[in-house]
C-alpha atoms as a PDB file:
ATOM      1  CA  MET A   1     -16.152 -15.846  -5.652  1.00  0.00           C
ATOM      2  CA  THR A   2     -17.391 -13.216  -3.216  1.00  0.00           C
ATOM      3  CA  ALA A   3     -17.991 -13.356   0.514  1.00  0.00           C
ATOM      4  CA  HIS A   4     -21.740 -13.274  -0.067  1.00  0.00           C
ATOM      5  CA  ASP A   5     -21.467 -16.373  -2.274  1.00  0.00           C
ATOM      6  CA  ILE A   6     -20.116 -18.158   0.776  1.00  0.00           C
ATOM      7  CA  ILE A   7     -22.004 -16.931   3.827  1.00  0.00           C
ATOM      8  CA  GLY A   8     -24.360 -14.141   4.913  1.00  0.00           C
ATOM      9  CA  TYR A   9     -22.878 -10.937   6.258  1.00  0.00           C
ATOM     10  CA  ALA A  10     -24.425 -11.433   9.709  1.00  0.00           C
ATOM     11  CA  ALA A  11     -22.335 -14.570  10.090  1.00  0.00           C
ATOM     12  CA  ILE A  12     -19.262 -12.924   8.575  1.00  0.00           C
ATOM     13  CA  SER A  13     -19.322 -10.320  11.313  1.00  0.00           C
ATOM     14  CA  SER A  14     -18.830 -13.086  13.897  1.00  0.00           C
ATOM     15  CA  GLY A  15     -16.356 -15.135  11.841  1.00  0.00           C
ATOM     16  CA  GLN A  16     -13.181 -16.331  13.535  1.00  0.00           C
ATOM     17  CA  ASN A  17     -10.056 -17.715  11.897  1.00  0.00           C
ATOM     18  CA  PHE A  18      -7.924 -20.149  13.913  1.00  0.00           C
ATOM     19  CA  THR A  19      -4.589 -21.898  13.678  1.00  0.00           C
ATOM     20  CA  VAL A  20      -4.331 -24.814  16.106  1.00  0.00           C
ATOM     21  CA  VAL A  21      -0.982 -26.580  16.386  1.00  0.00           C
ATOM     22  CA  LEU A  22       0.415 -29.873  17.704  1.00  0.00           C
ATOM     23  CA  ALA A  23       2.900 -29.655  20.562  1.00  0.00           C
ATOM     24  CA  GLU A  24       5.594 -31.597  18.718  1.00  0.00           C
ATOM     25  CA  ARG A  25       6.725 -30.213  15.379  1.00  0.00           C
ATOM     26  CA  PRO A  26       7.556 -31.474  12.868  1.00  0.00           C
ATOM     27  CA  SER A  27       5.013 -34.266  13.069  1.00  0.00           C
ATOM     28  CA  ASP A  28       2.582 -36.025  10.766  1.00  0.00           C
ATOM     29  CA  LEU A  29       0.134 -37.086  13.485  1.00  0.00           C
ATOM     30  CA  LEU A  30      -2.842 -35.185  12.091  1.00  0.00           C
ATOM     31  CA  PHE A  31      -2.259 -36.742   8.671  1.00  0.00           C
ATOM     32  CA  THR A  32      -1.874 -40.315   9.925  1.00  0.00           C
ATOM     33  CA  GLU A  33      -4.790 -39.907  12.357  1.00  0.00           C
ATOM     34  CA  ILE A  34      -7.032 -37.915  10.006  1.00  0.00           C
ATOM     35  CA  GLU A  35     -10.058 -40.198  10.551  1.00  0.00           C
ATOM     36  CA  ARG A  36      -9.755 -39.737  14.314  1.00  0.00           C
ATOM     37  CA  PHE A  37      -9.679 -35.971  13.820  1.00  0.00           C
ATOM     38  CA  ARG A  38     -12.688 -36.057  11.461  1.00  0.00           C
ATOM     39  CA  ARG A  39     -14.774 -38.149  13.866  1.00  0.00           C
ATOM     40  CA  THR A  40     -13.964 -35.865  16.771  1.00  0.00           C
ATOM     41  CA  TYR A  41     -14.634 -32.720  14.746  1.00  0.00           C
ATOM     42  CA  ARG A  42     -18.034 -33.996  13.571  1.00  0.00           C
ATOM     43  CA  THR A  43     -19.024 -35.046  17.093  1.00  0.00           C
ATOM     44  CA  VAL A  44     -18.198 -31.648  18.565  1.00  0.00           C
ATOM     45  CA  GLN A  45     -19.964 -29.879  15.706  1.00  0.00           C
ATOM     46  CA  GLN A  46     -23.118 -31.871  16.442  1.00  0.00           C
ATOM     47  CA  ARG A  47     -22.946 -31.164  20.182  1.00  0.00           C
ATOM     48  CA  ARG A  48     -21.917 -27.510  19.878  1.00  0.00           C
ATOM     49  CA  PRO A  49     -23.075 -26.313  16.429  1.00  0.00           C
ATOM     50  CA  PHE A  50     -20.859 -24.057  14.332  1.00  0.00           C
ATOM     51  CA  GLU A  51     -20.363 -23.523  10.620  1.00  0.00           C
ATOM     52  CA  THR A  52     -17.050 -24.369   9.004  1.00  0.00           C
ATOM     53  CA  ILE A  53     -16.523 -21.731   6.331  1.00  0.00           C
ATOM     54  CA  ALA A  54     -13.106 -23.126   5.387  1.00  0.00           C
ATOM     55  CA  ILE A  55     -10.685 -25.657   6.816  1.00  0.00           C
ATOM     56  CA  CYS A  56      -7.378 -27.321   5.989  1.00  0.00           C
ATOM     57  CA  VAL A  57      -5.808 -30.094   8.071  1.00  0.00           C
ATOM     58  CA  LEU A  58      -2.058 -30.293   7.535  1.00  0.00           C
ATOM     59  CA  LEU A  59       0.554 -32.600   9.046  1.00  0.00           C
ATOM     60  CA  ASP A  60       0.945 -30.839  12.390  1.00  0.00           C
ATOM     61  CA  HIS A  61      -1.572 -27.987  12.461  1.00  0.00           C
ATOM     62  CA  VAL A  62      -5.076 -27.015  11.441  1.00  0.00           C
ATOM     63  CA  HIS A  63      -6.372 -23.819   9.834  1.00  0.00           C
ATOM     64  CA  ALA A  64     -10.101 -23.273  10.264  1.00  0.00           C
ATOM     65  CA  LEU A  65     -12.521 -20.416   9.678  1.00  0.00           C
ATOM     66  CA  TRP A  66     -15.726 -20.665  11.700  1.00  0.00           C
ATOM     67  CA  ALA A  67     -19.010 -18.857  12.119  1.00  0.00           C
ATOM     68  CA  LEU A  68     -20.792 -19.469  15.427  1.00  0.00           C
ATOM     69  CA  PRO A  69     -24.537 -19.170  16.052  1.00  0.00           C
ATOM     70  CA  GLU A  70     -25.835 -15.707  16.857  1.00  0.00           C
ATOM     71  CA  GLY A  71     -25.208 -14.811  20.483  1.00  0.00           C
ATOM     72  CA  ASP A  72     -22.650 -17.605  20.944  1.00  0.00           C
ATOM     73  CA  ALA A  73     -18.966 -16.680  21.064  1.00  0.00           C
ATOM     74  CA  ASP A  74     -17.644 -19.716  22.950  1.00  0.00           C
ATOM     75  CA  PHE A  75     -15.219 -21.046  20.363  1.00  0.00           C
ATOM     76  CA  SER A  76     -12.770 -21.935  23.134  1.00  0.00           C
ATOM     77  CA  ILE A  77     -14.919 -24.764  24.518  1.00  0.00           C
ATOM     78  CA  ARG A  78     -15.307 -26.177  21.019  1.00  0.00           C
ATOM     79  CA  TRP A  79     -11.554 -26.322  20.413  1.00  0.00           C
ATOM     80  CA  ASN A  80     -11.107 -27.719  23.907  1.00  0.00           C
ATOM     81  CA  LEU A  81     -13.506 -30.561  23.093  1.00  0.00           C
ATOM     82  CA  ILE A  82     -11.870 -31.198  19.693  1.00  0.00           C
ATOM     83  CA  LYS A  83      -8.403 -31.304  21.202  1.00  0.00           C
ATOM     84  CA  SER A  84      -9.316 -33.543  24.126  1.00  0.00           C
ATOM     85  CA  GLY A  85     -11.443 -35.834  21.958  1.00  0.00           C
ATOM     86  CA  PHE A  86      -8.636 -36.266  19.439  1.00  0.00           C
ATOM     87  CA  SER A  87      -6.053 -36.896  22.159  1.00  0.00           C
ATOM     88  CA  ARG A  88      -8.171 -39.525  23.931  1.00  0.00           C
ATOM     89  CA  GLY A  89      -6.729 -42.949  23.187  1.00  0.00           C
ATOM     90  CA  LEU A  90      -3.374 -41.626  21.961  1.00  0.00           C
ATOM     91  CA  GLU A  91      -0.162 -42.231  23.852  1.00  0.00           C
ATOM     92  CA  PRO A  92       0.997 -39.229  25.924  1.00  0.00           C
ATOM     93  CA  SER A  93       3.833 -37.186  24.475  1.00  0.00           C
ATOM     94  CA  MET A  94       7.217 -38.139  25.908  1.00  0.00           C
ATOM     95  CA  SER A  95       8.215 -34.464  26.007  1.00  0.00           C
ATOM     96  CA  ARG A  96       5.375 -33.268  28.246  1.00  0.00           C
ATOM     97  CA  SER A  97       6.214 -30.518  30.685  1.00  0.00           C
ATOM     98  CA  ALA A  98       5.778 -31.046  34.430  1.00  0.00           C
ATOM     99  CA  SER A  99       2.808 -28.697  34.288  1.00  0.00           C
ATOM    100  CA  LYS A 100       1.071 -30.800  31.646  1.00  0.00           C
ATOM    101  CA  VAL A 101       1.772 -34.007  33.580  1.00  0.00           C
ATOM    102  CA  ALA A 102       0.343 -32.458  36.746  1.00  0.00           C
ATOM    103  CA  LYS A 103      -2.808 -31.402  34.874  1.00  0.00           C
ATOM    104  CA  ARG A 104      -3.084 -34.830  33.209  1.00  0.00           C
ATOM    105  CA  GLU A 105      -2.685 -33.321  29.770  1.00  0.00           C
ATOM    106  CA  LYS A 106      -1.285 -35.690  27.166  1.00  0.00           C
ATOM    107  CA  GLY A 107       0.784 -32.961  25.571  1.00  0.00           C
ATOM    108  CA  VAL A 108      -0.480 -33.639  22.057  1.00  0.00           C
ATOM    109  CA  TRP A 109      -1.504 -30.027  21.384  1.00  0.00           C
ATOM    110  CA  GLN A 110       0.033 -26.662  22.104  1.00  0.00           C
ATOM    111  CA  ARG A 111      -1.928 -24.760  24.727  1.00  0.00           C
ATOM    112  CA  ARG A 112      -1.908 -21.603  22.648  1.00  0.00           C
ATOM    113  CA  TYR A 113      -3.742 -21.027  19.415  1.00  0.00           C
ATOM    114  CA  TRP A 114      -3.760 -18.257  16.811  1.00  0.00           C
ATOM    115  CA  GLU A 115      -7.018 -16.347  16.533  1.00  0.00           C
ATOM    116  CA  HIS A 116      -8.184 -13.604  14.179  1.00  0.00           C
ATOM    117  CA  THR A 117     -11.600 -11.938  14.010  1.00  0.00           C
ATOM    118  CA  ILE A 118     -12.807 -11.411  10.439  1.00  0.00           C
ATOM    119  CA  ARG A 119     -13.271  -7.693   9.783  1.00  0.00           C
ATOM    120  CA  ASN A 120     -15.058  -7.516   6.435  1.00  0.00           C
ATOM    121  CA  ASP A 121     -15.721  -9.277   3.127  1.00  0.00           C
ATOM    122  CA  ALA A 122     -12.210  -8.720   1.784  1.00  0.00           C
ATOM    123  CA  ASP A 123     -10.659 -10.053   4.988  1.00  0.00           C
ATOM    124  CA  LEU A 124     -12.899 -13.123   4.784  1.00  0.00           C
ATOM    125  CA  GLU A 125     -11.877 -13.874   1.207  1.00  0.00           C
ATOM    126  CA  ARG A 126      -8.160 -13.417   1.972  1.00  0.00           C
ATOM    127  CA  HIS A 127      -8.322 -15.890   4.835  1.00  0.00           C
ATOM    128  CA  ILE A 128     -10.261 -18.454   2.822  1.00  0.00           C
ATOM    129  CA  ASP A 129      -7.617 -18.172   0.092  1.00  0.00           C
ATOM    130  CA  TYR A 130      -4.815 -18.486   2.646  1.00  0.00           C
ATOM    131  CA  ILE A 131      -6.353 -21.628   4.150  1.00  0.00           C
ATOM    132  CA  HIS A 132      -6.797 -23.297   0.769  1.00  0.00           C
ATOM    133  CA  PHE A 133      -3.315 -22.348  -0.426  1.00  0.00           C
ATOM    134  CA  ASN A 134      -1.568 -23.427   2.781  1.00  0.00           C
ATOM    135  CA  PRO A 135      -0.543 -26.950   1.685  1.00  0.00           C
ATOM    136  CA  VAL A 136       1.247 -25.362  -1.282  1.00  0.00           C
ATOM    137  CA  LYS A 137       2.820 -22.729   0.964  1.00  0.00           C
ATOM    138  CA  HIS A 138       4.315 -25.487   3.132  1.00  0.00           C
ATOM    139  CA  GLY A 139       5.564 -27.431   0.114  1.00  0.00           C
ATOM    140  CA  HIS A 140       3.357 -30.495   0.652  1.00  0.00           C
ATOM    141  CA  VAL A 141       1.885 -30.233  -2.859  1.00  0.00           C
ATOM    142  CA  THR A 142       2.338 -27.968  -5.869  1.00  0.00           C
ATOM    143  CA  ARG A 143      -1.399 -27.442  -6.465  1.00  0.00           C
ATOM    144  CA  ALA A 144      -4.183 -26.737  -3.983  1.00  0.00           C
ATOM    145  CA  VAL A 145      -6.350 -29.419  -5.570  1.00  0.00           C
ATOM    146  CA  ASP A 146      -3.804 -32.136  -4.718  1.00  0.00           C
ATOM    147  CA  TRP A 147      -4.210 -31.781  -0.938  1.00  0.00           C
ATOM    148  CA  PRO A 148      -7.063 -34.070   0.193  1.00  0.00           C
ATOM    149  CA  HIS A 149      -7.867 -32.678   3.644  1.00  0.00           C
ATOM    150  CA  SER A 150      -9.171 -29.263   2.660  1.00  0.00           C
ATOM    151  CA  SER A 151     -12.512 -27.532   2.110  1.00  0.00           C
ATOM    152  CA  PHE A 152     -11.083 -26.442  -1.253  1.00  0.00           C
ATOM    153  CA  HIS A 153     -12.782 -29.481  -2.805  1.00  0.00           C
ATOM    154  CA  ARG A 154     -16.157 -28.410  -1.425  1.00  0.00           C
ATOM    155  CA  TYR A 155     -15.693 -24.968  -2.969  1.00  0.00           C
ATOM    156  CA  VAL A 156     -14.916 -26.567  -6.337  1.00  0.00           C
ATOM    157  CA  GLU A 157     -18.012 -28.795  -6.117  1.00  0.00           C
ATOM    158  CA  ARG A 158     -20.175 -25.732  -5.421  1.00  0.00           C
ATOM    159  CA  GLY A 159     -18.701 -23.821  -8.340  1.00  0.00           C
ATOM    160  CA  LEU A 160     -17.104 -21.179  -6.103  1.00  0.00           C
ATOM    161  CA  LEU A 161     -13.532 -21.992  -7.182  1.00  0.00           C
ATOM    162  CA  ALA A 162     -12.044 -23.473 -10.335  1.00  0.00           C
ATOM    163  CA  LEU A 163     -10.281 -26.821 -10.139  1.00  0.00           C
ATOM    164  CA  ASP A 164      -7.012 -25.147 -11.187  1.00  0.00           C
ATOM    165  CA  TRP A 165      -7.337 -22.248  -8.707  1.00  0.00           C
ATOM    166  CA  GLY A 166      -3.915 -21.116  -7.533  1.00  0.00           C
ATOM    167  CA  GLY A 167      -2.191 -22.728 -10.518  1.00  0.00           C
ATOM    168  CA  ASP A 168       0.771 -25.068 -10.277  1.00  0.00           C
ATOM    169  CA  ILE A 169       3.527 -23.557  -8.139  1.00  0.00           C
ATOM    170  CA  GLU A 170       6.260 -25.555  -9.906  1.00  0.00           C
ATOM    171  CA  GLU A 171       5.292 -24.170 -13.297  1.00  0.00           C
ATOM    172  CA  THR A 172       4.809 -20.650 -11.934  1.00  0.00           C
ATOM    173  CA  GLN A 173       8.123 -20.592 -10.075  1.00  0.00           C
ATOM    174  CA  GLY A 174       9.952 -22.041 -13.062  1.00  0.00           C
ATOM    175  CA  ALA A 175       8.634 -19.299 -15.328  1.00  0.00           C
ATOM    176  CA  PHE A 176       9.374 -16.664 -12.685  1.00  0.00           C
ATOM    177  CA  TRP A 177      12.965 -17.831 -12.182  1.00  0.00           C
ATOM    178  CA  ARG A 178      13.591 -17.874 -15.920  1.00  0.00           C
ATOM    179  CA  MET A 179      12.234 -14.343 -16.200  1.00  0.00           C
ATOM    180  CA  LYS A 180      14.170 -12.989 -13.226  1.00  0.00           C
ATOM    181  CA  GLY A 181      17.306 -15.027 -13.721  1.00  0.00           C
ATOM    182  CA  GLY A 182      17.690 -17.732 -11.143  1.00  0.00           C
ATOM    183  CA  HIS A 183      16.995 -19.030  -7.672  1.00  0.00           C
ATOM    184  CA  GLY A 184      17.364 -15.697  -5.913  1.00  0.00           C
ATOM    185  CA  ALA A 185      13.994 -14.533  -7.230  1.00  0.00           C
ATOM    186  CA  LYS A 186      12.121 -17.223  -5.286  1.00  0.00           C
ATOM    187  CA  SER A 187      11.908 -15.214  -2.068  1.00  0.00           C
ATOM    188  CA  ALA A 188      10.107 -12.405  -3.880  1.00  0.00           C
ATOM    189  CA  PHE A 189       7.401 -14.599  -5.382  1.00  0.00           C
ATOM    190  CA  ALA A 190       3.897 -13.624  -4.235  1.00  0.00           C
ATOM    191  CA  HIS A 191       0.761 -15.648  -4.779  1.00  0.00           C
ATOM    192  CA  PRO A 192      -2.337 -13.729  -5.928  1.00  0.00           C
ATOM    193  CA  THR A 193      -4.124 -14.480  -2.632  1.00  0.00           C
ATOM    194  CA  GLY A 194      -2.408 -11.344  -1.385  1.00  0.00           C
ATOM    195  CA  PHE A 195      -0.596 -13.124   1.465  1.00  0.00           C
ATOM    196  CA  GLY A 196       2.484 -14.306  -0.417  1.00  0.00           C
ATOM    197  CA  LEU A 197       4.495 -17.408   0.337  1.00  0.00           C
ATOM    198  CA  ARG A 198       5.933 -16.083   3.576  1.00  0.00           C
ATOM    199  CA  CYS A 199       2.736 -14.720   5.052  1.00  0.00           C
ATOM    200  CA  THR A 200       2.586 -13.000   8.424  1.00  0.00           C
ATOM    201  CA  HIS A 201      -0.567 -11.517   9.898  1.00  0.00           C
ATOM    202  CA  LYS A 202      -0.305  -8.184  11.669  1.00  0.00           C
ATOM    203  CA  THR A 203      -3.652  -8.458  13.439  1.00  0.00           C
ATOM    204  CA  LYS A 204      -3.534 -11.419  15.764  1.00  0.00           C
ATOM    205  CA  SER A 205      -4.029 -12.492  19.341  1.00  0.00           C
ATOM    206  CA  TRP A 206      -3.102 -15.555  21.311  1.00  0.00           C
ATOM    207  CA  GLY A 207      -5.618 -17.509  23.354  1.00  0.00           C
ATOM    208  CA  ARG A 208      -5.047 -20.234  25.904  1.00  0.00           C
ATOM    209  CA  HIS A 209      -7.132 -23.160  27.019  1.00  0.00           C
ATOM    210  CA  ARG A 210      -6.614 -26.604  28.493  1.00  0.00           C
ATOM    211  CA  ARG A 211      -6.933 -29.840  26.614  1.00  0.00           C
END
């Protein structure tokens, strides 16, 4: 798989990777309300078009990689609409701050979000891999294919990734521990995506918007 198998370079140059997080963690709200999230996401995408290059919805946060139309950089309004649309009809969080109460925010989402501008083809591919491997990273499943709410399945259908991409982390860790001699080797294990199991991104910025 190469970046040009996925999307044209003109769109890559405007690609943005996001992590959007619920206010209360741990939580499984996004998992239990996945159909609500999907409906809201589709509605916003129809009203404010954007391309989803990759996405993974986990229990309490979302990773998404977008490309916006040429000349349009207003990703903030799109996330604002997704957040508010998802929250509509849900009970307000009991732990809302006074500020959120005053602004009539339900407190379902964190105000801040993680944002990263894609720099080049290699950066694009690393972030797609990270998104698809994230359910394994968090220990929800041992194989990327076993997580249902991920664009990984679309990539498999299009022949861009193999069904067994990423392997089985249980089998890999077991072999690694046997080779290295026990549990202590686990912290050193790195997945071939290049991010490793304890990934941190050096290039990042925080944005804020209401919801």
